N, C-alpha and C. Protein backbone atom coordinates (compact mmCIF):
# COMPACT_ATOMS: atom_id res chain seq x y z
N UNK A 1 144.28 -115.50 181.08
CA UNK A 1 145.97 -116.53 180.93
C UNK A 1 145.59 -117.63 181.64
N UNK A 2 146.26 -118.50 180.49
CA UNK A 2 145.78 -120.02 180.34
C UNK A 2 146.44 -120.27 181.75
N UNK A 3 146.35 -121.70 181.89
CA UNK A 3 146.30 -122.59 183.52
C UNK A 3 148.00 -122.95 183.29
N UNK A 4 148.41 -123.24 182.00
CA UNK A 4 149.86 -123.28 182.68
C UNK A 4 150.29 -122.27 182.36
N UNK A 5 150.23 -121.13 181.81
CA UNK A 5 150.74 -120.16 181.96
C UNK A 5 150.90 -119.62 183.46
N UNK A 6 150.06 -119.70 184.53
CA UNK A 6 149.02 -119.21 185.17
C UNK A 6 149.94 -119.78 186.66
N UNK A 7 150.06 -121.32 186.17
CA UNK A 7 151.13 -122.10 187.10
C UNK A 7 152.16 -121.82 187.12
N UNK A 8 153.01 -121.39 185.75
CA UNK A 8 154.48 -121.01 185.50
C UNK A 8 154.58 -119.69 186.44
N UNK A 9 153.47 -118.72 186.34
CA UNK A 9 153.95 -117.28 187.08
C UNK A 9 153.52 -117.94 188.73
N UNK A 10 152.89 -118.74 189.36
CA UNK A 10 152.76 -119.10 190.95
C UNK A 10 154.43 -119.61 191.11
N UNK A 11 155.43 -120.62 189.92
CA UNK A 11 156.34 -121.04 190.29
C UNK A 11 157.24 -120.00 190.61
N UNK A 12 156.98 -119.13 189.97
CA UNK A 12 158.41 -117.97 190.26
C UNK A 12 157.60 -116.73 191.05
N UNK A 13 156.26 -116.46 191.78
CA UNK A 13 155.92 -115.59 192.32
C UNK A 13 156.51 -115.37 194.12
N UNK A 14 156.56 -114.12 194.14
CA UNK A 14 157.45 -113.72 195.44
C UNK A 14 156.55 -112.42 195.91
N UNK A 15 155.37 -112.74 195.85
CA UNK A 15 154.46 -111.65 196.46
C UNK A 15 154.16 -111.78 198.40
N UNK A 16 154.71 -112.59 198.65
CA UNK A 16 154.66 -112.74 200.07
C UNK A 16 155.89 -113.34 200.56
N UNK A 17 155.93 -113.70 202.07
CA UNK A 17 157.81 -114.12 202.14
C UNK A 17 157.89 -115.41 202.09
N UNK A 18 156.56 -116.29 202.09
CA UNK A 18 156.61 -117.71 202.06
C UNK A 18 157.72 -118.01 200.52
N UNK A 19 158.10 -117.47 199.74
CA UNK A 19 158.58 -117.21 198.41
C UNK A 19 160.43 -117.47 199.09
N UNK A 20 160.76 -116.84 200.23
CA UNK A 20 161.57 -116.83 200.28
C UNK A 20 162.44 -118.52 200.85
N UNK A 21 161.58 -119.06 201.77
CA UNK A 21 161.89 -120.41 202.01
C UNK A 21 161.40 -121.42 201.11
N UNK A 22 160.93 -121.78 200.33
CA UNK A 22 160.31 -122.69 199.41
C UNK A 22 161.45 -123.54 198.54
N UNK A 23 160.97 -124.85 198.97
CA UNK A 23 161.80 -125.37 197.62
C UNK A 23 160.84 -125.21 196.09
N UNK A 24 159.87 -125.63 196.36
CA UNK A 24 158.84 -125.05 194.94
C UNK A 24 157.58 -124.47 195.18
N UNK A 25 157.20 -123.88 194.35
CA UNK A 25 155.87 -123.52 194.55
C UNK A 25 154.54 -124.89 194.68
N UNK A 26 153.55 -124.48 194.84
CA UNK A 26 152.83 -125.85 194.38
C UNK A 26 151.43 -125.45 193.96
N UNK A 27 151.44 -125.17 192.31
CA UNK A 27 150.70 -124.87 191.83
C UNK A 27 148.98 -125.35 192.21
N UNK A 28 149.08 -127.16 191.78
CA UNK A 28 148.21 -128.18 191.89
C UNK A 28 148.50 -128.43 190.78
N UNK A 29 147.07 -129.31 190.78
CA UNK A 29 147.60 -130.81 189.66
C UNK A 29 146.15 -131.16 189.15
N UNK A 30 145.77 -131.79 188.16
CA UNK A 30 144.62 -132.83 187.77
C UNK A 30 144.41 -132.23 186.75
N UNK A 31 143.46 -132.18 186.26
CA UNK A 31 142.21 -132.20 185.34
C UNK A 31 141.86 -130.94 185.21
N UNK A 32 142.38 -129.69 183.99
CA UNK A 32 141.92 -128.90 184.08
C UNK A 32 140.87 -128.37 183.38
N UNK A 33 140.12 -129.70 183.44
CA UNK A 33 138.18 -129.27 183.69
C UNK A 33 137.68 -130.13 184.15
N UNK A 34 137.84 -130.69 185.72
CA UNK A 34 137.41 -131.29 186.32
C UNK A 34 136.18 -130.77 186.60
N UNK A 35 135.74 -131.80 186.71
CA UNK A 35 134.37 -131.15 187.95
C UNK A 35 134.37 -131.27 189.40
N UNK A 36 135.25 -131.77 189.86
CA UNK A 36 135.12 -131.33 191.17
C UNK A 36 137.01 -131.14 191.55
N UNK A 37 137.01 -129.72 192.27
CA UNK A 37 137.92 -129.45 192.44
C UNK A 37 138.29 -129.39 193.78
N UNK A 38 139.24 -129.85 194.33
CA UNK A 38 140.05 -130.05 195.96
C UNK A 38 140.28 -128.66 196.18
N UNK A 39 140.17 -128.12 197.50
CA UNK A 39 141.09 -126.90 197.78
C UNK A 39 141.68 -127.43 199.28
N UNK A 40 142.80 -127.53 199.67
CA UNK A 40 143.34 -128.10 201.13
C UNK A 40 143.82 -126.38 201.84
N UNK A 41 144.89 -126.56 202.70
CA UNK A 41 145.54 -124.94 203.21
C UNK A 41 146.79 -124.40 202.76
N UNK A 42 147.53 -125.93 202.58
CA UNK A 42 148.91 -125.20 202.26
C UNK A 42 149.80 -126.25 202.06
N UNK A 43 151.00 -126.33 201.06
CA UNK A 43 151.92 -127.59 200.88
C UNK A 43 152.47 -127.77 202.37
N UNK A 44 152.91 -129.29 202.54
CA UNK A 44 153.35 -129.32 203.61
C UNK A 44 155.06 -129.74 202.72
N UNK A 45 156.25 -130.36 203.75
CA UNK A 45 157.16 -130.98 203.35
C UNK A 45 157.55 -131.45 202.14
N UNK A 46 156.61 -132.47 202.05
CA UNK A 46 156.98 -133.40 200.77
C UNK A 46 156.05 -132.77 199.67
N UNK A 47 155.63 -132.21 200.10
CA UNK A 47 154.78 -131.44 198.87
C UNK A 47 155.35 -130.16 198.26
N UNK A 48 156.19 -129.38 199.32
CA UNK A 48 157.49 -128.38 199.04
C UNK A 48 158.40 -128.96 198.18
N UNK A 49 158.96 -130.19 198.60
CA UNK A 49 160.00 -131.17 197.89
C UNK A 49 159.61 -131.31 196.78
N UNK A 50 158.82 -132.09 196.29
CA UNK A 50 158.13 -132.63 195.03
C UNK A 50 157.52 -131.58 194.09
N UNK A 51 157.35 -130.71 194.67
CA UNK A 51 156.04 -129.64 193.49
C UNK A 51 154.90 -129.89 193.19
N UNK A 52 154.12 -130.75 194.49
CA UNK A 52 152.55 -131.37 193.55
C UNK A 52 151.84 -131.51 195.46
N UNK A 53 150.83 -131.07 194.96
CA UNK A 53 150.14 -131.77 196.05
C UNK A 53 149.60 -132.86 196.97
N UNK A 54 149.46 -132.66 198.31
CA UNK A 54 148.98 -133.71 199.02
C UNK A 54 149.80 -135.34 198.70
N UNK A 55 151.03 -134.91 198.41
CA UNK A 55 151.72 -136.60 198.17
C UNK A 55 152.52 -137.17 199.51
N UNK A 56 151.94 -136.44 200.43
CA UNK A 56 152.59 -137.08 202.00
C UNK A 56 151.31 -137.96 202.32
N UNK A 57 151.21 -137.87 203.60
CA UNK A 57 150.29 -138.79 204.52
C UNK A 57 149.26 -138.74 204.59
N UNK A 58 148.79 -137.19 204.31
CA UNK A 58 147.53 -136.60 204.13
C UNK A 58 147.35 -137.07 202.71
N UNK A 59 148.07 -136.69 201.52
CA UNK A 59 147.72 -137.16 200.49
C UNK A 59 147.36 -138.95 200.06
N UNK A 60 148.08 -139.71 200.93
CA UNK A 60 147.61 -141.01 200.66
C UNK A 60 146.59 -141.62 201.88
N UNK A 61 146.10 -140.43 202.58
CA UNK A 61 144.47 -140.63 203.09
C UNK A 61 143.60 -139.70 202.03
N UNK A 62 144.35 -138.77 201.30
CA UNK A 62 143.23 -138.22 200.48
C UNK A 62 142.89 -139.30 199.21
N UNK A 63 144.00 -139.93 198.91
CA UNK A 63 143.76 -140.56 197.25
C UNK A 63 142.86 -141.94 198.07
N UNK A 64 143.24 -142.04 199.27
CA UNK A 64 142.19 -143.28 199.99
C UNK A 64 140.68 -142.99 199.71
N UNK A 65 140.61 -141.88 200.17
CA UNK A 65 139.41 -140.84 200.38
C UNK A 65 138.28 -141.07 198.75
N UNK A 66 139.50 -140.93 198.15
CA UNK A 66 138.74 -140.66 196.54
C UNK A 66 138.29 -141.86 196.17
N UNK A 67 139.44 -142.51 196.05
CA UNK A 67 139.01 -144.13 196.02
C UNK A 67 137.89 -145.07 196.59
N UNK A 68 137.72 -144.52 197.95
CA UNK A 68 136.30 -144.70 197.80
C UNK A 68 135.06 -144.50 197.58
N UNK A 69 135.21 -143.25 196.85
CA UNK A 69 133.78 -143.01 196.20
C UNK A 69 134.04 -143.31 194.87
N UNK A 70 134.93 -143.60 194.03
CA UNK A 70 135.46 -144.31 193.14
C UNK A 70 136.16 -143.02 191.80
N UNK A 71 136.20 -142.22 192.63
CA UNK A 71 136.92 -141.00 192.10
C UNK A 71 138.19 -141.34 191.85
N UNK A 72 139.10 -141.13 190.56
CA UNK A 72 140.38 -140.80 190.07
C UNK A 72 140.69 -139.85 190.27
N UNK A 73 142.15 -139.39 191.53
CA UNK A 73 142.99 -138.42 191.29
C UNK A 73 142.61 -137.51 190.01
N UNK A 74 143.55 -138.49 188.98
CA UNK A 74 143.49 -137.86 187.65
C UNK A 74 142.52 -137.06 187.13
N UNK A 75 141.52 -137.47 187.53
CA UNK A 75 140.14 -136.70 187.05
C UNK A 75 139.89 -135.58 187.62
N UNK A 76 140.74 -135.50 189.30
CA UNK A 76 140.16 -134.10 189.86
C UNK A 76 141.52 -132.54 189.80
N UNK A 77 140.83 -131.62 189.72
CA UNK A 77 142.00 -130.68 190.15
C UNK A 77 141.97 -130.34 191.67
N UNK A 78 143.28 -130.64 192.00
CA UNK A 78 143.76 -130.18 193.67
C UNK A 78 144.66 -129.47 194.35
N UNK A 79 144.45 -128.38 194.61
CA UNK A 79 145.60 -127.33 195.28
C UNK A 79 145.37 -126.72 196.50
N UNK A 80 145.98 -125.68 196.86
CA UNK A 80 145.79 -125.43 198.49
C UNK A 80 145.36 -123.87 197.69
N UNK A 81 145.41 -123.27 199.50
CA UNK A 81 145.00 -121.77 199.35
C UNK A 81 146.28 -121.07 199.16
N UNK A 82 147.54 -121.41 199.61
CA UNK A 82 148.44 -120.52 199.52
C UNK A 82 149.42 -122.12 198.65
N UNK A 83 150.03 -121.31 197.73
CA UNK A 83 150.92 -122.41 196.87
C UNK A 83 152.21 -122.22 197.27
N UNK A 84 152.37 -122.06 198.43
CA UNK A 84 154.13 -122.34 199.33
C UNK A 84 153.85 -122.62 200.57
N UNK A 85 154.71 -123.49 201.14
CA UNK A 85 154.81 -124.15 202.29
C UNK A 85 155.13 -123.14 203.34
N UNK A 86 154.01 -123.11 204.36
CA UNK A 86 154.19 -122.12 205.53
C UNK A 86 155.53 -122.54 206.59
N UNK A 87 156.55 -121.47 206.91
CA UNK A 87 157.74 -122.41 207.55
C UNK A 87 156.88 -123.45 208.84
N UNK A 88 157.84 -124.09 209.15
CA UNK A 88 157.71 -125.57 209.85
C UNK A 88 155.42 -125.94 210.04
N UNK A 89 155.05 -125.59 208.80
CA UNK A 89 153.84 -126.31 208.57
C UNK A 89 152.70 -125.24 209.46
N UNK A 90 153.22 -123.64 209.51
CA UNK A 90 151.84 -123.07 210.78
C UNK A 90 151.24 -123.03 209.31
N UNK A 91 149.98 -122.48 210.27
CA UNK A 91 148.76 -122.22 209.23
C UNK A 91 149.01 -120.82 208.55
N UNK A 92 148.34 -120.87 206.82
CA UNK A 92 148.92 -119.67 206.46
C UNK A 92 148.48 -118.03 207.19
N UNK A 93 149.47 -117.23 207.05
CA UNK A 93 148.70 -115.92 207.48
C UNK A 93 147.89 -115.38 206.63
N UNK A 94 147.15 -114.07 207.14
CA UNK A 94 145.96 -113.81 206.18
C UNK A 94 147.12 -113.05 205.47
N UNK A 95 147.87 -112.35 205.44
CA UNK A 95 148.72 -111.65 204.21
C UNK A 95 149.24 -112.43 202.98
N UNK A 96 149.57 -114.08 203.45
CA UNK A 96 150.02 -114.71 202.57
C UNK A 96 149.02 -115.30 201.72
N UNK A 97 147.42 -115.90 202.35
CA UNK A 97 146.09 -116.01 201.60
C UNK A 97 145.88 -115.12 201.04
N UNK A 98 145.74 -113.69 201.17
CA UNK A 98 146.00 -112.52 200.31
C UNK A 98 146.31 -112.59 198.95
N UNK A 99 147.53 -112.82 199.14
CA UNK A 99 148.83 -112.53 198.01
C UNK A 99 148.43 -113.73 196.89
N UNK A 100 147.72 -115.12 197.82
CA UNK A 100 147.97 -116.10 196.66
C UNK A 100 146.04 -115.99 195.98
N UNK A 101 145.12 -115.37 196.78
CA UNK A 101 144.04 -115.88 196.59
C UNK A 101 143.57 -115.14 195.01
N UNK A 102 144.02 -114.53 194.07
CA UNK A 102 143.92 -114.36 192.98
C UNK A 102 143.94 -115.40 192.04
N UNK A 103 144.98 -115.97 193.00
CA UNK A 103 145.98 -117.29 191.49
C UNK A 103 144.69 -118.11 192.05
N UNK A 104 144.08 -118.17 193.17
CA UNK A 104 143.12 -119.63 193.29
C UNK A 104 141.98 -119.23 192.53
N UNK A 105 141.12 -117.58 193.18
CA UNK A 105 140.42 -117.43 191.90
C UNK A 105 140.59 -117.34 190.73
N UNK A 106 141.55 -117.76 190.20
CA UNK A 106 141.71 -117.34 189.08
C UNK A 106 141.92 -119.24 188.41
N UNK A 107 142.27 -119.86 188.80
CA UNK A 107 142.16 -121.17 188.84
C UNK A 107 140.78 -122.22 188.62
N UNK A 108 139.95 -121.55 190.04
CA UNK A 108 138.39 -122.20 190.07
C UNK A 108 137.79 -121.30 188.60
N UNK A 109 137.95 -119.87 188.24
CA UNK A 109 137.02 -120.02 186.88
C UNK A 109 137.36 -120.61 185.94
N UNK A 110 138.82 -120.84 185.67
CA UNK A 110 139.16 -121.58 184.83
C UNK A 110 138.87 -122.71 184.67
N UNK A 111 139.06 -124.04 185.39
CA UNK A 111 138.59 -124.90 185.73
C UNK A 111 136.77 -124.99 185.54
N UNK A 112 136.36 -123.90 186.18
CA UNK A 112 135.29 -124.16 186.33
C UNK A 112 133.91 -125.52 186.95
N UNK A 113 134.81 -126.25 188.18
CA UNK A 113 134.22 -127.19 188.19
C UNK A 113 133.10 -126.72 188.97
N UNK A 114 131.97 -127.61 188.96
CA UNK A 114 130.87 -127.89 189.47
C UNK A 114 130.44 -127.71 191.20
N UNK A 115 131.85 -128.35 191.46
CA UNK A 115 131.88 -128.45 193.06
C UNK A 115 133.52 -128.51 193.49
N UNK A 116 133.42 -127.36 194.52
CA UNK A 116 134.81 -127.07 194.80
C UNK A 116 134.60 -127.76 196.47
N UNK A 117 135.94 -128.60 196.61
CA UNK A 117 135.45 -129.28 198.20
C UNK A 117 136.61 -128.39 198.99
N UNK A 118 136.24 -127.74 200.03
CA UNK A 118 137.20 -127.21 200.77
C UNK A 118 137.72 -128.13 202.04
N UNK A 119 138.61 -127.92 201.75
CA UNK A 119 139.24 -129.39 203.25
C UNK A 119 140.14 -128.34 204.37
N UNK A 120 139.20 -127.83 205.42
CA UNK A 120 139.70 -127.76 206.73
C UNK A 120 139.46 -126.15 207.24
N UNK A 121 139.51 -125.65 207.93
CA UNK A 121 139.12 -124.41 208.58
C UNK A 121 139.70 -123.06 207.52
N UNK A 122 141.37 -123.15 207.51
CA UNK A 122 141.91 -122.42 206.27
C UNK A 122 141.34 -122.48 204.92
N UNK A 123 140.99 -123.44 204.66
CA UNK A 123 140.40 -123.52 203.05
C UNK A 123 138.93 -122.85 202.90
N UNK A 124 138.32 -123.03 204.18
CA UNK A 124 137.01 -122.80 203.98
C UNK A 124 136.43 -121.24 204.73
N UNK A 125 137.68 -120.57 205.02
CA UNK A 125 137.96 -119.08 205.45
C UNK A 125 138.49 -118.41 204.43
N UNK A 126 139.57 -119.20 203.74
CA UNK A 126 140.35 -118.69 202.80
C UNK A 126 139.90 -118.35 201.36
N UNK A 127 138.96 -119.23 200.99
CA UNK A 127 137.26 -118.98 199.85
C UNK A 127 136.44 -118.41 200.13
N UNK A 128 135.66 -118.94 201.42
CA UNK A 128 134.76 -118.44 201.27
C UNK A 128 134.58 -116.70 202.41
N UNK A 129 135.45 -116.33 202.69
CA UNK A 129 135.93 -115.06 203.74
C UNK A 129 135.40 -115.13 204.91
N UNK A 130 134.97 -116.07 205.50
CA UNK A 130 134.24 -116.03 206.59
C UNK A 130 134.31 -117.34 207.32
N UNK A 131 134.41 -117.76 208.81
CA UNK A 131 134.27 -119.08 209.07
C UNK A 131 133.17 -119.87 209.33
N UNK A 132 133.04 -121.22 209.40
CA UNK A 132 132.43 -121.61 209.16
C UNK A 132 132.41 -123.14 210.12
N UNK A 133 131.59 -123.41 211.37
CA UNK A 133 131.61 -124.09 212.18
C UNK A 133 131.79 -126.09 211.63
N UNK A 134 133.06 -126.13 211.07
CA UNK A 134 133.27 -127.12 210.52
C UNK A 134 132.53 -128.49 211.40
N UNK A 135 132.71 -128.15 212.55
CA UNK A 135 132.02 -129.59 213.24
C UNK A 135 130.97 -129.77 213.13
N UNK A 136 130.16 -128.78 212.97
CA UNK A 136 128.62 -128.29 211.88
C UNK A 136 128.23 -128.41 210.66
N UNK A 137 129.26 -128.01 210.01
CA UNK A 137 128.73 -127.68 209.01
C UNK A 137 129.61 -129.05 207.86
N UNK A 138 130.40 -130.05 208.63
CA UNK A 138 131.62 -130.61 207.97
C UNK A 138 130.48 -131.62 206.94
N UNK A 139 130.57 -132.15 205.91
CA UNK A 139 129.74 -132.86 204.88
C UNK A 139 128.58 -132.40 204.25
N UNK A 140 128.66 -130.85 204.67
CA UNK A 140 127.33 -130.47 203.72
C UNK A 140 127.38 -129.35 202.48
N UNK A 141 126.78 -129.41 201.73
CA UNK A 141 126.77 -128.13 200.16
C UNK A 141 126.53 -126.65 200.51
N UNK A 142 127.22 -125.88 200.18
CA UNK A 142 126.79 -124.54 200.31
C UNK A 142 126.83 -124.23 198.97
N UNK A 143 125.57 -123.38 198.45
CA UNK A 143 125.70 -122.68 197.07
C UNK A 143 125.86 -121.46 196.92
N UNK A 144 126.84 -121.49 196.16
CA UNK A 144 127.05 -120.13 196.15
C UNK A 144 126.53 -119.37 194.86
N UNK A 145 126.57 -117.90 195.04
CA UNK A 145 125.95 -117.44 193.67
C UNK A 145 125.45 -117.65 192.81
N UNK A 146 126.45 -118.06 191.71
CA UNK A 146 125.94 -118.91 190.62
C UNK A 146 126.48 -120.66 190.54
N UNK A 147 126.99 -120.95 189.78
CA UNK A 147 127.02 -122.41 189.52
C UNK A 147 127.75 -123.16 190.33
N UNK A 148 128.64 -122.52 191.00
CA UNK A 148 129.36 -123.10 191.96
C UNK A 148 129.13 -123.63 193.24
N UNK A 149 129.19 -124.93 193.21
CA UNK A 149 128.98 -125.14 195.00
C UNK A 149 129.91 -125.69 195.90
N UNK A 150 129.83 -125.49 197.28
CA UNK A 150 131.06 -125.74 198.11
C UNK A 150 130.49 -127.07 199.04
N UNK A 151 131.70 -127.89 199.03
CA UNK A 151 131.00 -128.96 199.68
C UNK A 151 132.35 -128.70 200.90
N UNK A 152 131.58 -128.56 201.85
CA UNK A 152 133.21 -128.74 203.38
C UNK A 152 133.24 -130.03 203.85
N UNK A 153 134.48 -130.22 204.15
CA UNK A 153 134.87 -131.17 204.88
C UNK A 153 136.26 -131.11 205.57
N UNK A 154 137.14 -131.68 206.33
CA UNK A 154 138.09 -131.82 207.25
C UNK A 154 139.13 -131.81 206.32
N UNK A 155 140.04 -131.39 206.67
CA UNK A 155 141.71 -131.20 206.21
C UNK A 155 141.51 -132.54 206.50
N UNK A 156 142.49 -133.60 205.28
CA UNK A 156 142.89 -135.21 205.82
C UNK A 156 143.88 -135.46 206.49
N UNK A 157 144.84 -133.96 206.99
CA UNK A 157 145.96 -134.31 208.16
C UNK A 157 145.08 -134.21 208.61
N UNK A 158 144.05 -133.65 209.71
CA UNK A 158 143.22 -133.73 210.68
C UNK A 158 143.00 -135.42 210.83
N UNK A 159 143.01 -135.89 210.17
CA UNK A 159 142.75 -137.56 210.26
C UNK A 159 143.65 -138.44 210.67
N UNK A 160 145.29 -137.55 210.70
CA UNK A 160 146.09 -138.44 211.05
C UNK A 160 146.79 -138.27 212.82
N UNK A 161 145.71 -137.11 213.00
CA UNK A 161 145.73 -136.46 214.36
C UNK A 161 144.96 -137.14 215.13
N UNK A 162 144.09 -137.27 215.11
CA UNK A 162 142.43 -137.68 215.44
C UNK A 162 141.78 -138.51 214.83
N UNK A 163 142.36 -139.88 215.07
CA UNK A 163 141.71 -140.86 214.30
C UNK A 163 140.33 -141.45 214.22
N UNK A 164 139.72 -140.48 215.34
CA UNK A 164 137.85 -140.36 215.08
C UNK A 164 137.79 -139.63 213.27
N UNK A 165 138.46 -138.68 213.05
CA UNK A 165 137.83 -138.21 212.45
C UNK A 165 138.03 -139.02 210.89
N UNK A 166 138.88 -140.20 210.68
CA UNK A 166 139.20 -140.41 209.48
C UNK A 166 137.54 -141.31 209.01
N UNK A 167 136.68 -142.00 210.03
CA UNK A 167 135.34 -142.14 209.44
C UNK A 167 134.60 -141.35 209.46
N UNK A 168 134.28 -140.07 210.16
CA UNK A 168 133.76 -138.66 209.68
C UNK A 168 134.46 -138.15 208.56
N UNK A 169 135.21 -138.67 207.99
CA UNK A 169 135.37 -138.06 206.59
C UNK A 169 135.23 -139.05 205.55
N UNK A 170 135.28 -139.86 205.99
CA UNK A 170 134.81 -141.49 205.00
C UNK A 170 132.90 -141.25 204.53
N UNK A 171 132.33 -140.54 205.76
CA UNK A 171 130.84 -140.46 205.38
C UNK A 171 131.06 -139.33 205.20
N UNK A 172 131.75 -138.06 205.01
CA UNK A 172 131.51 -136.64 204.30
C UNK A 172 131.45 -137.38 202.66
N UNK A 173 132.82 -137.82 202.24
CA UNK A 173 132.60 -138.37 201.16
C UNK A 173 132.06 -139.28 200.32
N UNK A 174 131.38 -140.08 201.24
CA UNK A 174 130.26 -140.95 200.33
C UNK A 174 128.74 -139.78 200.84
N UNK A 175 128.59 -138.59 201.27
CA UNK A 175 127.95 -137.35 200.57
C UNK A 175 128.19 -136.39 199.89
N UNK A 176 129.69 -136.70 199.58
CA UNK A 176 130.10 -135.73 198.19
C UNK A 176 129.58 -136.55 196.99
N UNK A 177 129.89 -138.16 196.90
CA UNK A 177 129.89 -138.90 196.12
C UNK A 177 127.92 -138.47 195.65
N UNK A 178 127.21 -138.46 196.10
CA UNK A 178 125.75 -138.23 196.00
C UNK A 178 125.67 -137.04 195.34
N UNK A 179 126.41 -136.04 195.83
CA UNK A 179 126.70 -134.61 195.52
C UNK A 179 127.09 -135.12 193.70
N UNK A 180 127.87 -135.13 193.40
CA UNK A 180 128.68 -135.53 192.35
C UNK A 180 127.74 -136.50 191.38
N UNK A 181 127.12 -137.25 191.83
CA UNK A 181 126.41 -138.09 190.63
C UNK A 181 124.95 -137.90 190.76
N UNK A 182 124.52 -136.40 191.52
CA UNK A 182 123.03 -136.01 191.06
C UNK A 182 123.00 -134.71 190.30
């Protein structure tokens, strides 16, 4: 299934209860051949309204992070582990992550990004299947069995609530930049 077709399937998906309360599914956007894929947790209110990932305050900070390392948002692919907004922005439940996981896996396979930046504990757990102590592992690269590498960092929204994380994430993205240029 081609990515545009997959995104149409995601837009009509009703595999879990999140479909009942969403305005728009948010499949993801960006370069379908990007060497960098960014994966967050779930769409928020602004994303649900727009049908696009990271368009609210966390998205503005993400754009700032990308810009700080000279990466154009249009040259990456941005998505989430779940494609619909959980009510009241609660974390996605296991059954919701499991319903969306085949979509994300297909996106990852088809886009074939060398580096996948997992942003936040829920994205890390949703993709890698286990938790990693983010406070210890952020700014690091994990190698998968194949060609894909996973870079771990905080979710941009976390920096909106904990100001100290802004600089931590800026440092993490500098590390990501070194990885991307190697």
